[in-house]
Amino acid sequence: MGSPRRRPLRGRGAPRCGGRSGVASPTPPRSPARPVLCGLASVLASVLERTVSVETVRTFKRRALAHNDRLADIIHARRPDLDRAAAKEPASATVMLVAGLWPLAHPGPTVTAAVEDPELLAAHVDFLARYSRVIELLTASLRSPATP
């Protein structure tokens, strides 16, 4: 089976395919089809969580942990060699990757103009390619802790 064809992101029609590890995907689950969600994730810890009440943060964190558990279950189903604790690693990394990569891949106009310089082409960040590769590397390197 060949590589999935990369298409531009357009709403809910974004491509979704399994990577070589059976877990990695060229698109973060539901994220690229939702650029506003990616943008919010990128400012979650630095801005949003600093401007709401303690109870709002607690409610959000409980829901986030539940979503992380669901994603870990999906990963565990695709990689049964991983226990649930190991499957939580790439699940947790998903949010961190989106938060870190999204603003790098979608810079403001000044950075966009600056990196058009031919000497700076390597500074361009392809969100989907970088996200996919990091998740693929992480899941390929994971092993469940050895049992005594």
Protein backbone atom coordinates (compact mmCIF):
# COMPACT_ATOMS: atom_id res chain seq x y z
CA MET A 1 0.00 0.00 0.00
CA GLY A 2 1.50 3.36 -1.03
CA SER A 3 1.70 6.62 0.84
CA PRO A 4 -1.55 8.47 1.34
CA ARG A 5 -2.07 11.34 -1.07
CA ARG A 6 -1.75 14.69 0.71
CA ARG A 7 -4.65 17.01 0.04
CA PRO A 8 -5.13 20.56 1.25
CA LEU A 9 -7.21 20.79 4.39
CA ARG A 10 -10.79 21.71 3.70
CA GLY A 11 -13.18 21.33 6.62
CA ARG A 12 -14.24 17.83 7.56
CA GLY A 13 -12.85 16.36 4.34
CA ALA A 14 -9.27 16.30 5.65
CA PRO A 15 -7.46 13.04 4.88
CA ARG A 16 -7.14 10.47 7.65
CA CYS A 17 -4.96 7.42 7.21
CA GLY A 18 -2.88 5.17 9.42
CA GLY A 19 0.87 5.59 9.40
CA ARG A 20 3.51 2.88 9.29
CA SER A 21 3.31 2.25 13.04
CA GLY A 22 -0.41 1.58 12.85
CA VAL A 23 -1.04 4.54 15.14
CA ALA A 24 0.54 7.60 13.58
CA SER A 25 -1.65 9.57 11.25
CA PRO A 26 -0.81 12.32 8.82
CA THR A 27 -3.47 14.35 10.55
CA PRO A 28 -4.03 14.87 14.25
CA PRO A 29 -7.40 13.40 15.17
CA ARG A 30 -10.02 15.98 14.20
CA SER A 31 -7.55 18.85 14.55
CA PRO A 32 -6.54 20.02 11.05
CA ALA A 33 -10.17 20.08 10.02
CA ARG A 34 -10.62 22.45 12.95
CA PRO A 35 -8.05 25.23 12.70
CA VAL A 36 -9.76 27.25 15.44
CA LEU A 37 -9.33 24.29 17.82
CA CYS A 38 -5.63 24.07 16.92
CA GLY A 39 -5.25 27.80 17.46
CA LEU A 40 -6.93 27.60 20.86
CA ALA A 41 -4.77 24.63 21.86
CA SER A 42 -1.70 26.69 21.03
CA VAL A 43 -2.64 29.37 23.57
CA LEU A 44 -4.30 27.14 26.13
CA ALA A 45 -1.62 27.05 28.82
CA SER A 46 -0.04 30.42 28.13
CA VAL A 47 -3.22 32.51 27.92
CA LEU A 48 -6.57 30.81 28.36
CA GLU A 49 -5.83 28.85 31.54
CA ARG A 50 -4.53 32.02 33.19
CA THR A 51 -7.75 33.97 32.69
CA VAL A 52 -10.41 31.66 34.12
CA SER A 53 -11.51 30.47 37.55
CA VAL A 54 -10.03 27.52 39.43
CA GLU A 55 -13.28 25.60 39.05
CA THR A 56 -13.32 26.18 35.28
CA VAL A 57 -9.78 24.84 35.02
CA ARG A 58 -10.69 21.80 37.15
CA THR A 59 -13.69 21.04 34.95
CA PHE A 60 -11.62 21.45 31.80
CA LYS A 61 -8.75 19.30 33.13
CA ARG A 62 -11.15 16.49 34.11
CA ARG A 63 -12.61 16.46 30.61
CA ALA A 64 -9.15 16.66 29.03
CA LEU A 65 -7.98 13.67 31.09
CA ALA A 66 -11.07 11.70 30.03
CA HIS A 67 -10.38 12.52 26.36
CA ASN A 68 -6.73 11.54 26.83
CA ASP A 69 -7.86 8.19 28.29
CA ARG A 70 -10.13 7.60 25.28
CA LEU A 71 -7.28 8.33 22.89
CA ALA A 72 -4.99 6.02 24.88
CA ASP A 73 -7.62 3.28 24.54
CA ILE A 74 -7.63 3.77 20.75
CA ILE A 75 -3.84 3.61 20.64
CA HIS A 76 -3.83 0.52 22.87
CA ALA A 77 -6.36 -1.16 20.54
CA ARG A 78 -4.03 -0.54 17.58
CA ARG A 79 -0.87 -1.38 19.50
CA PRO A 80 -1.87 -4.17 21.93
CA ASP A 81 1.81 -4.65 22.73
CA LEU A 82 1.57 -1.38 24.68
CA ASP A 83 -0.10 -1.31 28.05
CA ARG A 84 -2.44 1.59 28.80
CA ALA A 85 0.27 3.57 30.63
CA ALA A 86 2.53 3.42 27.57
CA ALA A 87 -0.38 4.27 25.26
CA LYS A 88 -0.98 7.45 27.25
CA GLU A 89 2.39 8.83 26.13
CA PRO A 90 1.45 9.53 22.49
CA ALA A 91 -2.06 10.50 23.59
CA SER A 92 -0.64 13.20 25.85
CA ALA A 93 1.91 14.23 23.24
CA THR A 94 -0.87 15.02 20.77
CA VAL A 95 -1.95 18.17 22.60
CA MET A 96 1.63 19.27 23.22
CA LEU A 97 2.49 18.81 19.54
CA VAL A 98 -0.53 20.74 18.33
CA ALA A 99 0.15 23.52 20.84
CA GLY A 100 3.79 23.80 19.80
CA LEU A 101 3.61 23.15 16.08
CA TRP A 102 0.49 25.11 15.17
CA PRO A 103 1.90 28.60 15.80
CA LEU A 104 5.21 27.64 14.13
CA ALA A 105 3.38 26.42 11.03
CA HIS A 106 1.02 29.42 11.01
CA PRO A 107 3.20 32.42 11.81
CA GLY A 108 2.18 36.06 11.60
CA PRO A 109 2.73 38.16 8.48
CA THR A 110 6.19 39.43 9.51
CA VAL A 111 7.60 35.92 10.03
CA THR A 112 5.88 34.67 6.89
CA ALA A 113 7.53 37.43 4.84
CA ALA A 114 10.92 36.89 6.50
CA VAL A 115 11.07 33.15 5.81
CA GLU A 116 10.37 33.69 2.12
CA ASP A 117 14.08 34.46 1.91
CA PRO A 118 15.62 31.51 0.01
CA GLU A 119 18.20 31.07 2.79
CA LEU A 120 15.37 30.56 5.28
CA LEU A 121 13.23 28.02 3.43
CA ALA A 122 14.24 25.39 5.99
CA ALA A 123 12.44 27.50 8.61
CA HIS A 124 9.06 26.65 7.08
CA VAL A 125 7.15 24.17 9.27
CA ASP A 126 4.76 21.76 7.57
CA PHE A 127 2.29 21.07 10.37
CA LEU A 128 0.91 17.79 9.06
CA ALA A 129 4.26 16.32 8.06
CA ARG A 130 6.01 17.27 11.30
CA TYR A 131 3.10 16.17 13.51
CA SER A 132 2.84 12.84 11.73
CA ARG A 133 6.55 12.15 11.91
CA VAL A 134 6.88 12.95 15.63
CA ILE A 135 3.86 10.80 16.56
CA GLU A 136 5.19 8.01 14.33
CA LEU A 137 8.62 8.15 15.99
CA LEU A 138 7.11 8.25 19.46
CA THR A 139 4.76 5.32 18.94
CA ALA A 140 7.43 3.27 17.18
CA SER A 141 9.81 3.76 20.09
CA LEU A 142 7.35 2.94 22.87
CA ARG A 143 7.36 -0.32 24.74
CA SER A 144 5.40 -1.36 27.78
CA PRO A 145 7.45 -1.55 30.95
CA ALA A 146 9.05 -4.98 31.37
CA THR A 147 7.29 -7.20 33.83
CA PRO A 148 9.53 -8.82 36.47
